[in-house]
């Protein structure tokens, strides 16, 4: 019986402490945090050419089709590869190279491909990453309509 009462008092004390701590305003960043830890992004804007990401797009397309859509479709090749924009947004945003290409898919047809190469958007921000969309194969509608959201 005494243990149950002690537990109730401990729970009540923790609840009161939590409420008291929640009422105090958060302190502002000190001089060290402002000058060192909160320095902001340091982007260089150095990104590979559009052709550098084609193998990644083809591999991820095949993986997505196989894993999620039970399809054996593959990209057999690319042509008409071109850059359509470079960092079109406000200064200080993540530098991105927007590209477009035509892909020959194993279904025998050509499909437009739109992709963006972003600085420090790869795994854990260690290198550049790629976001891509193949028109006609955006089955989860992530970039709909017709991959419009994959373009600048």
N, C-alpha and C. Protein backbone atom coordinates (compact mmCIF):
# COMPACT_ATOMS: atom_id res chain seq x y z
N UNK A 1 0.81 -1.19 0.00
CA UNK A 1 0.00 0.00 0.00
C UNK A 1 0.86 1.26 0.00
N UNK A 2 1.96 1.21 0.78
CA UNK A 2 2.84 2.36 0.87
C UNK A 2 3.57 2.58 -0.46
N UNK A 3 3.87 1.49 -1.16
CA UNK A 3 4.56 1.62 -2.45
C UNK A 3 3.66 2.30 -3.48
N UNK A 4 2.38 1.97 -3.48
CA UNK A 4 1.43 2.58 -4.43
C UNK A 4 1.32 4.08 -4.17
N UNK A 5 1.30 4.47 -2.89
CA UNK A 5 1.22 5.88 -2.54
C UNK A 5 2.49 6.61 -2.97
N UNK A 6 3.64 5.97 -2.75
CA UNK A 6 4.91 6.57 -3.17
C UNK A 6 4.96 6.75 -4.69
N UNK A 7 4.47 5.79 -5.42
CA UNK A 7 4.45 5.89 -6.89
C UNK A 7 3.55 7.03 -7.34
N UNK A 8 2.41 7.18 -6.67
CA UNK A 8 1.50 8.27 -7.04
C UNK A 8 2.15 9.63 -6.79
N UNK A 9 2.83 9.76 -5.64
CA UNK A 9 3.51 11.01 -5.33
C UNK A 9 4.63 11.29 -6.34
N UNK A 10 5.37 10.26 -6.72
CA UNK A 10 6.46 10.42 -7.69
C UNK A 10 5.89 10.82 -9.05
N UNK A 11 4.78 10.21 -9.46
CA UNK A 11 4.16 10.56 -10.74
C UNK A 11 3.65 11.99 -10.71
N UNK A 12 3.04 12.38 -9.59
CA UNK A 12 2.53 13.75 -9.47
C UNK A 12 3.68 14.76 -9.49
N UNK A 13 4.78 14.42 -8.83
CA UNK A 13 5.94 15.33 -8.81
C UNK A 13 6.53 15.47 -10.22
N UNK A 14 6.63 14.38 -10.96
CA UNK A 14 7.14 14.44 -12.33
C UNK A 14 6.22 15.26 -13.23
N UNK A 15 4.93 15.08 -13.07
CA UNK A 15 3.96 15.86 -13.85
C UNK A 15 4.09 17.34 -13.53
N UNK A 16 4.21 17.70 -12.27
CA UNK A 16 4.36 19.11 -11.88
C UNK A 16 5.67 19.68 -12.42
N UNK A 17 6.73 18.90 -12.38
CA UNK A 17 8.01 19.35 -12.92
C UNK A 17 7.92 19.57 -14.42
N UNK A 18 7.27 18.65 -15.14
CA UNK A 18 7.09 18.79 -16.58
C UNK A 18 6.30 20.04 -16.93
N UNK A 19 5.25 20.32 -16.17
CA UNK A 19 4.44 21.52 -16.43
C UNK A 19 5.26 22.77 -16.14
N UNK A 20 6.03 22.77 -15.07
CA UNK A 20 6.84 23.93 -14.72
C UNK A 20 7.91 24.19 -15.78
N UNK A 21 8.56 23.16 -16.25
CA UNK A 21 9.59 23.33 -17.27
C UNK A 21 9.00 23.78 -18.60
N UNK A 22 7.81 23.36 -18.88
CA UNK A 22 7.17 23.73 -20.14
C UNK A 22 6.79 25.21 -20.17
N UNK A 23 6.59 25.79 -19.02
CA UNK A 23 6.17 27.19 -18.93
C UNK A 23 7.32 28.17 -19.13
N UNK A 24 8.57 27.71 -18.99
CA UNK A 24 9.69 28.63 -19.14
C UNK A 24 10.02 28.79 -20.62
N UNK A 25 10.30 30.02 -21.07
CA UNK A 25 10.60 30.22 -22.48
C UNK A 25 11.97 29.62 -22.84
N UNK A 26 12.09 29.21 -24.09
CA UNK A 26 13.36 28.66 -24.56
C UNK A 26 14.39 29.78 -24.65
N UNK A 27 15.60 29.52 -24.24
CA UNK A 27 16.62 30.58 -24.31
C UNK A 27 17.06 30.79 -25.76
N UNK A 28 17.48 31.99 -26.05
CA UNK A 28 18.00 32.30 -27.38
C UNK A 28 19.38 31.68 -27.54
N UNK A 29 19.82 31.57 -28.77
CA UNK A 29 21.15 31.01 -29.04
C UNK A 29 22.21 31.94 -28.47
N UNK A 30 23.22 31.34 -27.85
CA UNK A 30 24.30 32.16 -27.32
C UNK A 30 25.29 32.51 -28.45
N UNK A 31 26.32 33.25 -28.13
CA UNK A 31 27.27 33.74 -29.15
C UNK A 31 27.97 32.59 -29.87
N UNK A 32 28.33 31.53 -29.15
CA UNK A 32 28.99 30.39 -29.78
C UNK A 32 28.06 29.72 -30.79
N UNK A 33 26.81 29.52 -30.41
CA UNK A 33 25.86 28.88 -31.32
C UNK A 33 25.60 29.74 -32.55
N UNK A 34 25.49 31.03 -32.37
CA UNK A 34 25.24 31.92 -33.50
C UNK A 34 26.41 31.96 -34.47
N UNK A 35 27.61 31.93 -33.94
CA UNK A 35 28.79 32.07 -34.79
C UNK A 35 29.31 30.75 -35.34
N UNK A 36 28.96 29.64 -34.73
CA UNK A 36 29.55 28.39 -35.17
C UNK A 36 28.50 27.37 -35.58
N UNK A 37 27.61 27.03 -34.67
CA UNK A 37 26.67 25.94 -34.93
C UNK A 37 25.56 26.34 -35.87
N UNK A 38 25.14 27.57 -35.88
CA UNK A 38 24.04 28.00 -36.74
C UNK A 38 24.55 28.80 -37.93
N UNK A 39 25.60 28.31 -38.54
CA UNK A 39 26.23 29.07 -39.61
C UNK A 39 25.47 29.01 -40.93
N UNK A 40 24.55 28.08 -41.08
CA UNK A 40 23.76 27.99 -42.30
C UNK A 40 24.41 27.13 -43.35
N UNK A 41 23.71 26.92 -44.45
CA UNK A 41 24.25 26.04 -45.49
C UNK A 41 25.42 26.68 -46.22
N UNK A 42 26.31 25.83 -46.65
CA UNK A 42 27.47 26.29 -47.42
C UNK A 42 27.49 25.52 -48.74
N UNK A 43 26.60 25.86 -49.61
CA UNK A 43 26.53 25.17 -50.89
C UNK A 43 27.56 25.74 -51.86
N UNK A 44 28.13 24.87 -52.66
CA UNK A 44 29.12 25.29 -53.64
C UNK A 44 28.53 25.42 -55.03
N UNK A 45 27.42 24.75 -55.29
CA UNK A 45 26.80 24.80 -56.61
C UNK A 45 27.55 23.99 -57.65
N UNK A 46 28.38 23.07 -57.21
CA UNK A 46 29.13 22.22 -58.13
C UNK A 46 28.38 20.90 -58.26
N UNK A 47 27.76 20.70 -59.40
CA UNK A 47 26.97 19.50 -59.65
C UNK A 47 27.42 18.84 -60.94
N UNK A 48 27.28 17.51 -61.03
CA UNK A 48 27.67 16.84 -62.27
C UNK A 48 26.71 17.19 -63.41
N UNK A 49 27.13 16.90 -64.61
CA UNK A 49 26.29 17.13 -65.79
C UNK A 49 25.10 16.18 -65.77
N UNK A 50 24.11 16.48 -66.58
CA UNK A 50 22.89 15.67 -66.64
C UNK A 50 23.17 14.21 -66.95
N UNK A 51 24.16 13.94 -67.79
CA UNK A 51 24.46 12.56 -68.18
C UNK A 51 24.94 11.71 -67.01
N UNK A 52 25.48 12.31 -65.98
CA UNK A 52 26.03 11.57 -64.84
C UNK A 52 24.95 10.83 -64.06
N UNK A 53 23.72 11.25 -64.13
CA UNK A 53 22.66 10.65 -63.33
C UNK A 53 21.85 9.59 -64.08
N UNK A 54 22.14 9.38 -65.35
CA UNK A 54 21.31 8.47 -66.15
C UNK A 54 21.35 7.03 -65.65
N UNK A 55 22.50 6.54 -65.24
CA UNK A 55 22.59 5.18 -64.72
C UNK A 55 21.78 5.02 -63.44
N UNK A 56 21.80 6.04 -62.60
CA UNK A 56 21.02 6.02 -61.37
C UNK A 56 19.53 5.98 -61.67
N UNK A 57 19.09 6.81 -62.61
CA UNK A 57 17.67 6.84 -62.97
C UNK A 57 17.25 5.48 -63.52
N UNK A 58 18.04 4.90 -64.41
CA UNK A 58 17.68 3.60 -65.00
C UNK A 58 17.63 2.51 -63.94
N UNK A 59 18.60 2.49 -63.03
CA UNK A 59 18.63 1.46 -61.99
C UNK A 59 17.46 1.60 -61.03
N UNK A 60 17.15 2.82 -60.64
CA UNK A 60 16.05 3.02 -59.70
C UNK A 60 14.70 2.78 -60.36
N UNK A 61 14.59 3.08 -61.65
CA UNK A 61 13.35 2.78 -62.38
C UNK A 61 13.11 1.27 -62.39
N UNK A 62 14.11 0.49 -62.73
CA UNK A 62 13.98 -0.96 -62.75
C UNK A 62 13.65 -1.51 -61.36
N UNK A 63 14.30 -0.97 -60.35
CA UNK A 63 14.05 -1.42 -58.98
C UNK A 63 12.62 -1.11 -58.55
N UNK A 64 12.15 0.09 -58.85
CA UNK A 64 10.80 0.50 -58.47
C UNK A 64 9.75 -0.35 -59.20
N UNK A 65 9.95 -0.57 -60.49
CA UNK A 65 8.99 -1.37 -61.26
C UNK A 65 8.94 -2.81 -60.74
N UNK A 66 10.08 -3.37 -60.45
CA UNK A 66 10.14 -4.75 -59.99
C UNK A 66 9.60 -4.90 -58.57
N UNK A 67 10.05 -4.04 -57.68
CA UNK A 67 9.71 -4.18 -56.27
C UNK A 67 8.27 -3.81 -55.94
N UNK A 68 7.78 -2.72 -56.53
CA UNK A 68 6.47 -2.22 -56.13
C UNK A 68 5.35 -2.52 -57.12
N UNK A 69 5.67 -2.73 -58.39
CA UNK A 69 4.62 -2.90 -59.40
C UNK A 69 4.67 -4.25 -60.09
N UNK A 70 5.53 -5.15 -59.62
CA UNK A 70 5.63 -6.50 -60.17
C UNK A 70 5.77 -6.48 -61.69
N UNK A 71 6.64 -5.62 -62.16
CA UNK A 71 6.85 -5.41 -63.59
C UNK A 71 8.32 -5.62 -63.91
N UNK A 72 8.61 -6.13 -65.10
CA UNK A 72 10.00 -6.32 -65.50
C UNK A 72 10.46 -5.24 -66.49
N UNK A 73 9.78 -4.10 -66.50
CA UNK A 73 10.16 -3.00 -67.39
C UNK A 73 11.53 -2.44 -67.01
N UNK A 74 12.28 -2.06 -68.02
CA UNK A 74 13.60 -1.49 -67.84
C UNK A 74 13.77 -0.32 -68.80
N UNK A 75 14.67 0.58 -68.48
CA UNK A 75 15.05 1.63 -69.43
C UNK A 75 16.24 1.09 -70.21
N UNK A 76 16.09 1.04 -71.52
CA UNK A 76 17.13 0.48 -72.38
C UNK A 76 18.15 1.52 -72.82
N UNK A 77 17.75 2.78 -72.86
CA UNK A 77 18.67 3.83 -73.28
C UNK A 77 18.03 5.20 -73.19
N UNK A 78 18.88 6.22 -73.29
CA UNK A 78 18.43 7.60 -73.23
C UNK A 78 18.94 8.35 -74.46
N UNK A 79 18.18 9.35 -74.89
CA UNK A 79 18.67 10.29 -75.89
C UNK A 79 18.04 11.65 -75.64
N UNK A 80 18.49 12.65 -76.34
CA UNK A 80 18.02 14.04 -76.18
C UNK A 80 18.16 14.52 -74.73
N UNK A 81 19.27 14.18 -74.10
CA UNK A 81 19.53 14.59 -72.72
C UNK A 81 19.92 16.06 -72.73
N UNK A 82 19.26 16.84 -71.88
CA UNK A 82 19.55 18.28 -71.85
C UNK A 82 19.21 18.85 -70.47
N UNK A 83 19.87 19.95 -70.15
CA UNK A 83 19.57 20.69 -68.93
C UNK A 83 18.44 21.66 -69.23
N UNK A 84 17.46 21.73 -68.32
CA UNK A 84 16.36 22.68 -68.55
C UNK A 84 16.40 23.84 -67.56
N UNK A 85 17.16 23.71 -66.45
CA UNK A 85 17.31 24.82 -65.50
C UNK A 85 18.42 24.49 -64.52
N UNK A 86 19.02 25.54 -63.96
CA UNK A 86 20.01 25.37 -62.90
C UNK A 86 19.68 26.35 -61.78
N UNK A 87 19.40 25.83 -60.61
CA UNK A 87 19.06 26.64 -59.43
C UNK A 87 18.09 27.77 -59.75
N UNK A 88 16.88 27.43 -60.19
CA UNK A 88 15.93 28.48 -60.57
C UNK A 88 15.26 29.16 -59.39
N UNK A 89 15.47 28.68 -58.18
CA UNK A 89 14.78 29.25 -57.02
C UNK A 89 15.61 30.34 -56.38
N UNK A 90 15.19 30.77 -55.24
CA UNK A 90 15.84 31.88 -54.52
C UNK A 90 17.27 31.52 -54.11
N UNK A 91 18.08 32.54 -53.96
CA UNK A 91 19.47 32.32 -53.53
C UNK A 91 19.47 31.74 -52.13
N UNK A 92 20.39 30.83 -51.89
CA UNK A 92 20.49 30.19 -50.58
C UNK A 92 19.75 28.87 -50.51
N UNK A 93 18.96 28.52 -51.53
CA UNK A 93 18.29 27.23 -51.54
C UNK A 93 19.26 26.17 -52.08
N UNK A 94 18.88 24.92 -51.93
CA UNK A 94 19.75 23.83 -52.38
C UNK A 94 19.95 23.93 -53.89
N UNK A 95 21.19 23.99 -54.35
CA UNK A 95 21.43 24.04 -55.79
C UNK A 95 20.96 22.74 -56.46
N UNK A 96 20.22 22.89 -57.56
CA UNK A 96 19.71 21.74 -58.30
C UNK A 96 19.89 21.99 -59.79
N UNK A 97 20.24 20.93 -60.48
CA UNK A 97 20.31 20.95 -61.94
C UNK A 97 19.10 20.14 -62.44
N UNK A 98 18.19 20.81 -63.14
CA UNK A 98 17.01 20.15 -63.68
C UNK A 98 17.29 19.70 -65.10
N UNK A 99 16.98 18.45 -65.38
CA UNK A 99 17.30 17.86 -66.68
C UNK A 99 16.08 17.15 -67.26
N UNK A 100 16.13 16.95 -68.57
CA UNK A 100 15.09 16.20 -69.28
C UNK A 100 15.77 15.29 -70.28
N UNK A 101 15.12 14.19 -70.61
CA UNK A 101 15.65 13.24 -71.59
C UNK A 101 14.49 12.43 -72.14
N UNK A 102 14.77 11.68 -73.18
CA UNK A 102 13.84 10.70 -73.71
C UNK A 102 14.40 9.32 -73.37
N UNK A 103 13.56 8.44 -72.83
CA UNK A 103 14.00 7.10 -72.46
C UNK A 103 13.30 6.08 -73.34
N UNK A 104 14.06 5.13 -73.83
CA UNK A 104 13.48 3.99 -74.53
C UNK A 104 13.27 2.92 -73.47
N UNK A 105 12.00 2.62 -73.21
CA UNK A 105 11.63 1.65 -72.18
C UNK A 105 11.41 0.30 -72.86
N UNK A 106 11.56 -0.76 -72.13
CA UNK A 106 11.43 -2.10 -72.70
C UNK A 106 10.02 -2.43 -73.18
N UNK A 107 9.07 -1.52 -72.99
CA UNK A 107 7.74 -1.70 -73.58
C UNK A 107 7.73 -1.30 -75.05
N UNK A 108 8.89 -0.83 -75.56
CA UNK A 108 9.04 -0.47 -76.96
C UNK A 108 8.70 0.97 -77.28
N UNK A 109 8.35 1.76 -76.29
CA UNK A 109 8.00 3.16 -76.53
C UNK A 109 8.98 4.10 -75.86
N UNK A 110 8.99 5.33 -76.36
CA UNK A 110 9.81 6.38 -75.77
C UNK A 110 8.95 7.16 -74.78
N UNK A 111 9.56 7.49 -73.67
CA UNK A 111 8.87 8.24 -72.62
C UNK A 111 9.77 9.39 -72.17
N UNK A 112 9.18 10.52 -71.89
CA UNK A 112 9.93 11.66 -71.36
C UNK A 112 10.35 11.35 -69.92
N UNK A 113 11.55 11.78 -69.58
CA UNK A 113 12.07 11.63 -68.22
C UNK A 113 12.50 13.00 -67.74
N UNK A 114 12.07 13.35 -66.54
CA UNK A 114 12.47 14.60 -65.91
C UNK A 114 13.16 14.25 -64.59
N UNK A 115 14.29 14.89 -64.34
CA UNK A 115 15.00 14.59 -63.10
C UNK A 115 15.79 15.81 -62.64
N UNK A 116 16.07 15.80 -61.34
CA UNK A 116 16.82 16.89 -60.73
C UNK A 116 17.99 16.31 -59.96
N UNK A 117 19.15 16.90 -60.15
CA UNK A 117 20.35 16.52 -59.41
C UNK A 117 20.55 17.61 -58.36
N UNK A 118 20.51 17.24 -57.09
CA UNK A 118 20.61 18.22 -56.01
C UNK A 118 21.87 18.03 -55.20
N UNK A 119 22.49 19.15 -54.84
CA UNK A 119 23.71 19.10 -54.03
C UNK A 119 23.38 18.65 -52.61
N UNK A 120 24.16 17.73 -52.10
CA UNK A 120 24.03 17.21 -50.72
C UNK A 120 22.66 16.60 -50.45
N UNK A 121 21.99 16.06 -51.45
CA UNK A 121 20.69 15.42 -51.25
C UNK A 121 20.79 13.91 -51.36
N UNK A 122 22.00 13.38 -51.48
CA UNK A 122 22.19 11.94 -51.52
C UNK A 122 22.06 11.35 -50.13
N UNK A 123 22.44 10.11 -49.99
CA UNK A 123 22.32 9.43 -48.71
C UNK A 123 23.11 10.19 -47.65
N UNK A 124 22.48 10.51 -46.56
CA UNK A 124 22.98 11.30 -45.42
C UNK A 124 23.66 12.59 -45.82
N UNK A 125 23.32 13.14 -46.97
CA UNK A 125 23.87 14.41 -47.40
C UNK A 125 25.33 14.36 -47.80
N UNK A 126 25.86 13.16 -48.06
CA UNK A 126 27.28 13.01 -48.36
C UNK A 126 27.64 13.39 -49.78
N UNK A 127 26.68 13.32 -50.71
CA UNK A 127 26.97 13.66 -52.10
C UNK A 127 25.68 14.10 -52.78
N UNK A 128 25.74 14.26 -54.08
CA UNK A 128 24.55 14.69 -54.80
C UNK A 128 23.55 13.54 -54.91
N UNK A 129 22.28 13.92 -55.00
CA UNK A 129 21.21 12.94 -55.11
C UNK A 129 20.36 13.23 -56.33
N UNK A 130 19.48 12.29 -56.68
CA UNK A 130 18.65 12.42 -57.87
C UNK A 130 17.20 12.15 -57.53
N UNK A 131 16.31 13.05 -57.96
CA UNK A 131 14.87 12.83 -57.93
C UNK A 131 14.44 12.73 -59.38
N UNK A 132 13.61 11.75 -59.73
CA UNK A 132 13.30 11.51 -61.14
C UNK A 132 11.86 11.09 -61.32
N UNK A 133 11.39 11.23 -62.55
CA UNK A 133 10.04 10.81 -62.91
C UNK A 133 10.01 10.46 -64.39
N UNK A 134 9.44 9.32 -64.72
CA UNK A 134 9.25 8.89 -66.11
C UNK A 134 7.77 9.07 -66.43
N UNK A 135 7.47 9.89 -67.42
CA UNK A 135 6.08 10.17 -67.79
C UNK A 135 5.40 8.86 -68.20
N UNK A 136 4.24 8.63 -67.61
CA UNK A 136 3.49 7.41 -67.88
C UNK A 136 3.74 6.32 -66.86
N UNK A 137 4.75 6.49 -66.01
CA UNK A 137 5.07 5.49 -65.00
C UNK A 137 5.09 6.07 -63.60
N UNK A 138 4.44 7.19 -63.40
CA UNK A 138 4.31 7.79 -62.06
C UNK A 138 3.06 7.20 -61.42
N UNK A 139 3.11 5.91 -61.16
CA UNK A 139 1.92 5.16 -60.73
C UNK A 139 1.44 5.56 -59.34
N UNK A 140 2.30 6.08 -58.50
CA UNK A 140 1.86 6.51 -57.17
C UNK A 140 1.54 8.01 -57.14
N UNK A 141 1.57 8.66 -58.29
CA UNK A 141 1.19 10.06 -58.47
C UNK A 141 2.04 11.01 -57.64
N UNK A 142 3.28 10.68 -57.41
CA UNK A 142 4.16 11.53 -56.62
C UNK A 142 4.48 12.84 -57.34
N UNK A 143 4.51 12.82 -58.67
CA UNK A 143 4.88 14.01 -59.44
C UNK A 143 3.78 14.40 -60.43
N UNK A 144 2.58 13.93 -60.23
CA UNK A 144 1.47 14.19 -61.16
C UNK A 144 1.15 15.66 -61.27
N UNK A 145 0.57 16.12 -62.35
CA UNK A 145 0.22 15.42 -63.58
C UNK A 145 1.40 15.38 -64.54
N UNK A 146 1.58 14.26 -65.22
CA UNK A 146 2.60 14.06 -66.24
C UNK A 146 3.98 14.52 -65.79
N UNK A 147 4.34 14.19 -64.56
CA UNK A 147 5.67 14.52 -63.99
C UNK A 147 5.91 16.03 -63.89
N UNK A 148 4.87 16.81 -63.83
CA UNK A 148 5.02 18.27 -63.75
C UNK A 148 5.78 18.70 -62.51
N UNK A 149 5.61 18.00 -61.41
CA UNK A 149 6.26 18.38 -60.14
C UNK A 149 7.74 18.01 -60.10
N UNK A 150 8.22 17.30 -61.11
CA UNK A 150 9.65 16.99 -61.18
C UNK A 150 10.41 18.03 -61.98
N UNK A 151 9.71 19.02 -62.47
CA UNK A 151 10.32 20.07 -63.28
C UNK A 151 10.41 21.35 -62.45
N UNK A 152 11.23 22.31 -62.91
CA UNK A 152 11.33 23.55 -62.14
C UNK A 152 10.08 24.40 -62.23
